C-alpha cells in the first residue's frame, strides 16, 4: 500500500437528512462518507477553477 498522505481535517454541520443521504450514497458506492464528500469538493473546486479561467479569458477579449 502507499504511504500516508498529509491531509487536513475539515468539520461541517449538516442536517440529519443530508447526513442520511450521504450515508446512503456512500453505502451504494461502497465508499466512506468522507470519500464521497472529498470527491464532491474536488469537483466543486474544479468547476470554480474552470469558471475563473473562462472569466479571465472573457475579460481579455
N, C-alpha and C. Protein backbone atom coordinates (compact mmCIF):
# COMPACT_ATOMS: atom_id res chain seq x y z
N UNK A 1 0.83 -1.19 0.00
CA UNK A 1 0.00 0.00 0.00
C UNK A 1 0.87 1.24 0.00
N UNK A 2 0.28 2.35 -0.42
CA UNK A 2 1.02 3.60 -0.47
C UNK A 2 1.20 4.21 0.90
N UNK A 3 2.00 5.25 0.93
CA UNK A 3 2.25 5.95 2.18
C UNK A 3 1.09 6.83 2.58
N UNK A 4 1.17 7.33 3.78
CA UNK A 4 0.10 8.22 4.26
C UNK A 4 0.21 9.57 3.57
N UNK A 5 -0.94 10.10 3.24
CA UNK A 5 -0.99 11.43 2.66
C UNK A 5 -1.18 12.43 3.78
N UNK A 6 -0.64 13.60 3.58
CA UNK A 6 -0.84 14.67 4.56
C UNK A 6 -2.17 15.36 4.24
N UNK A 7 -3.17 15.06 5.02
CA UNK A 7 -4.49 15.60 4.81
C UNK A 7 -4.89 16.48 5.98
N UNK A 8 -5.69 17.46 5.70
CA UNK A 8 -6.22 18.36 6.72
C UNK A 8 -7.65 17.95 7.06
N UNK A 9 -8.04 18.23 8.27
CA UNK A 9 -9.39 17.92 8.72
C UNK A 9 -10.28 19.15 8.58
N UNK A 10 -11.46 18.93 8.04
CA UNK A 10 -12.49 19.97 7.98
C UNK A 10 -13.75 19.37 8.60
N UNK A 11 -14.34 20.09 9.52
CA UNK A 11 -15.60 19.64 10.13
C UNK A 11 -16.73 20.48 9.56
N UNK A 12 -17.86 19.85 9.36
CA UNK A 12 -19.01 20.55 8.80
C UNK A 12 -20.28 20.03 9.47
N UNK A 13 -21.22 20.91 9.66
CA UNK A 13 -22.52 20.53 10.20
C UNK A 13 -23.53 20.46 9.08
N UNK A 14 -24.29 19.38 9.04
CA UNK A 14 -25.35 19.22 8.05
C UNK A 14 -26.60 18.72 8.77
N UNK A 15 -27.72 18.84 8.08
CA UNK A 15 -28.96 18.34 8.66
C UNK A 15 -28.93 16.82 8.73
N UNK A 16 -29.80 16.28 9.54
CA UNK A 16 -29.90 14.83 9.67
C UNK A 16 -30.23 14.20 8.32
N UNK A 17 -31.10 14.85 7.56
CA UNK A 17 -31.49 14.33 6.26
C UNK A 17 -30.31 14.28 5.30
N UNK A 18 -29.49 15.33 5.30
CA UNK A 18 -28.32 15.34 4.42
C UNK A 18 -27.31 14.28 4.84
N UNK A 19 -27.14 14.12 6.14
CA UNK A 19 -26.21 13.09 6.63
C UNK A 19 -26.68 11.71 6.20
N UNK A 20 -27.96 11.44 6.34
CA UNK A 20 -28.51 10.15 5.94
C UNK A 20 -28.36 9.94 4.44
N UNK A 21 -28.59 10.98 3.65
CA UNK A 21 -28.43 10.87 2.20
C UNK A 21 -26.98 10.58 1.83
N UNK A 22 -26.04 11.24 2.50
CA UNK A 22 -24.63 10.98 2.25
C UNK A 22 -24.25 9.55 2.63
N UNK A 23 -24.79 9.08 3.74
CA UNK A 23 -24.51 7.70 4.18
C UNK A 23 -25.05 6.69 3.17
N UNK A 24 -26.25 6.93 2.65
CA UNK A 24 -26.83 6.03 1.65
C UNK A 24 -26.00 6.04 0.37
N UNK A 25 -25.59 7.22 -0.05
CA UNK A 25 -24.76 7.36 -1.25
C UNK A 25 -23.45 6.60 -1.06
N UNK A 26 -22.82 6.82 0.09
CA UNK A 26 -21.54 6.15 0.37
C UNK A 26 -21.71 4.63 0.37
N UNK A 27 -22.76 4.16 0.98
CA UNK A 27 -23.02 2.72 1.02
C UNK A 27 -23.22 2.16 -0.39
N UNK A 28 -23.97 2.87 -1.20
CA UNK A 28 -24.24 2.39 -2.56
C UNK A 28 -22.98 2.37 -3.41
N UNK A 29 -22.01 3.22 -3.10
CA UNK A 29 -20.75 3.28 -3.84
C UNK A 29 -19.65 2.43 -3.18
N UNK A 30 -20.00 1.82 -2.05
CA UNK A 30 -19.03 1.07 -1.24
C UNK A 30 -17.82 1.95 -0.89
N UNK A 31 -18.11 3.15 -0.45
CA UNK A 31 -17.11 4.14 -0.06
C UNK A 31 -17.50 4.71 1.30
N UNK A 32 -16.60 5.52 1.85
CA UNK A 32 -16.92 6.21 3.10
C UNK A 32 -17.58 7.55 2.80
N UNK A 33 -18.28 8.07 3.77
CA UNK A 33 -18.87 9.41 3.62
C UNK A 33 -17.75 10.42 3.37
N UNK A 34 -16.64 10.26 4.07
CA UNK A 34 -15.51 11.16 3.89
C UNK A 34 -15.03 11.17 2.44
N UNK A 35 -14.95 10.00 1.83
CA UNK A 35 -14.51 9.90 0.44
C UNK A 35 -15.49 10.59 -0.50
N UNK A 36 -16.78 10.35 -0.27
CA UNK A 36 -17.84 10.97 -1.09
C UNK A 36 -17.74 12.49 -1.01
N UNK A 37 -17.63 13.01 0.20
CA UNK A 37 -17.57 14.46 0.39
C UNK A 37 -16.29 15.03 -0.22
N UNK A 38 -15.18 14.33 -0.05
CA UNK A 38 -13.91 14.78 -0.63
C UNK A 38 -14.00 14.89 -2.15
N UNK A 39 -14.60 13.89 -2.78
CA UNK A 39 -14.74 13.92 -4.24
C UNK A 39 -15.70 15.03 -4.68
N UNK A 40 -16.74 15.29 -3.91
CA UNK A 40 -17.67 16.38 -4.23
C UNK A 40 -16.95 17.73 -4.14
N UNK A 41 -16.09 17.88 -3.15
CA UNK A 41 -15.30 19.11 -3.00
C UNK A 41 -14.35 19.24 -4.18
N UNK A 42 -13.68 18.16 -4.54
CA UNK A 42 -12.77 18.19 -5.69
C UNK A 42 -13.48 18.69 -6.94
N UNK A 43 -14.66 18.14 -7.20
CA UNK A 43 -15.42 18.52 -8.39
C UNK A 43 -15.86 19.99 -8.33
N UNK A 44 -16.30 20.44 -7.16
CA UNK A 44 -16.72 21.83 -7.00
C UNK A 44 -15.54 22.78 -7.23
N UNK A 45 -14.37 22.43 -6.72
CA UNK A 45 -13.19 23.27 -6.91
C UNK A 45 -12.75 23.29 -8.37
N UNK A 46 -12.85 22.14 -9.05
CA UNK A 46 -12.53 22.10 -10.48
C UNK A 46 -13.48 23.01 -11.26
N UNK A 47 -14.77 22.96 -10.94
CA UNK A 47 -15.75 23.81 -11.60
C UNK A 47 -15.46 25.29 -11.36
N UNK A 48 -15.11 25.62 -10.12
CA UNK A 48 -14.78 27.00 -9.79
C UNK A 48 -13.57 27.47 -10.58
N UNK A 49 -12.53 26.65 -10.63
CA UNK A 49 -11.32 27.00 -11.37
C UNK A 49 -11.63 27.19 -12.85
N UNK A 50 -12.47 26.33 -13.40
CA UNK A 50 -12.85 26.46 -14.81
C UNK A 50 -13.61 27.76 -15.04
N UNK A 51 -14.54 28.10 -14.16
CA UNK A 51 -15.30 29.34 -14.29
C UNK A 51 -14.38 30.56 -14.21
N UNK A 52 -13.41 30.52 -13.30
CA UNK A 52 -12.47 31.63 -13.16
C UNK A 52 -11.60 31.77 -14.40
N UNK A 53 -11.18 30.64 -14.96
CA UNK A 53 -10.38 30.68 -16.19
C UNK A 53 -11.18 31.25 -17.34
N UNK A 54 -12.43 30.84 -17.47
CA UNK A 54 -13.29 31.35 -18.54
C UNK A 54 -13.56 32.83 -18.35
N UNK A 55 -13.75 33.28 -17.11
CA UNK A 55 -13.99 34.71 -16.85
C UNK A 55 -12.77 35.54 -17.23
N UNK A 56 -11.59 35.04 -16.93
CA UNK A 56 -10.35 35.75 -17.30
C UNK A 56 -10.21 35.84 -18.81
N UNK A 57 -10.55 34.76 -19.50
CA UNK A 57 -10.47 34.76 -20.95
C UNK A 57 -11.46 35.75 -21.55
N UNK A 58 -12.65 35.85 -20.98
CA UNK A 58 -13.67 36.78 -21.45
C UNK A 58 -13.22 38.23 -21.29
N UNK A 59 -12.55 38.53 -20.19
CA UNK A 59 -12.12 39.91 -19.94
C UNK A 59 -10.93 40.29 -20.80
N UNK A 60 -10.19 39.32 -21.30
CA UNK A 60 -9.02 39.59 -22.13
C UNK A 60 -9.40 39.82 -23.58
N UNK A 61 -10.63 39.49 -23.96
CA UNK A 61 -11.05 39.63 -25.35
C UNK A 61 -11.52 41.01 -25.65
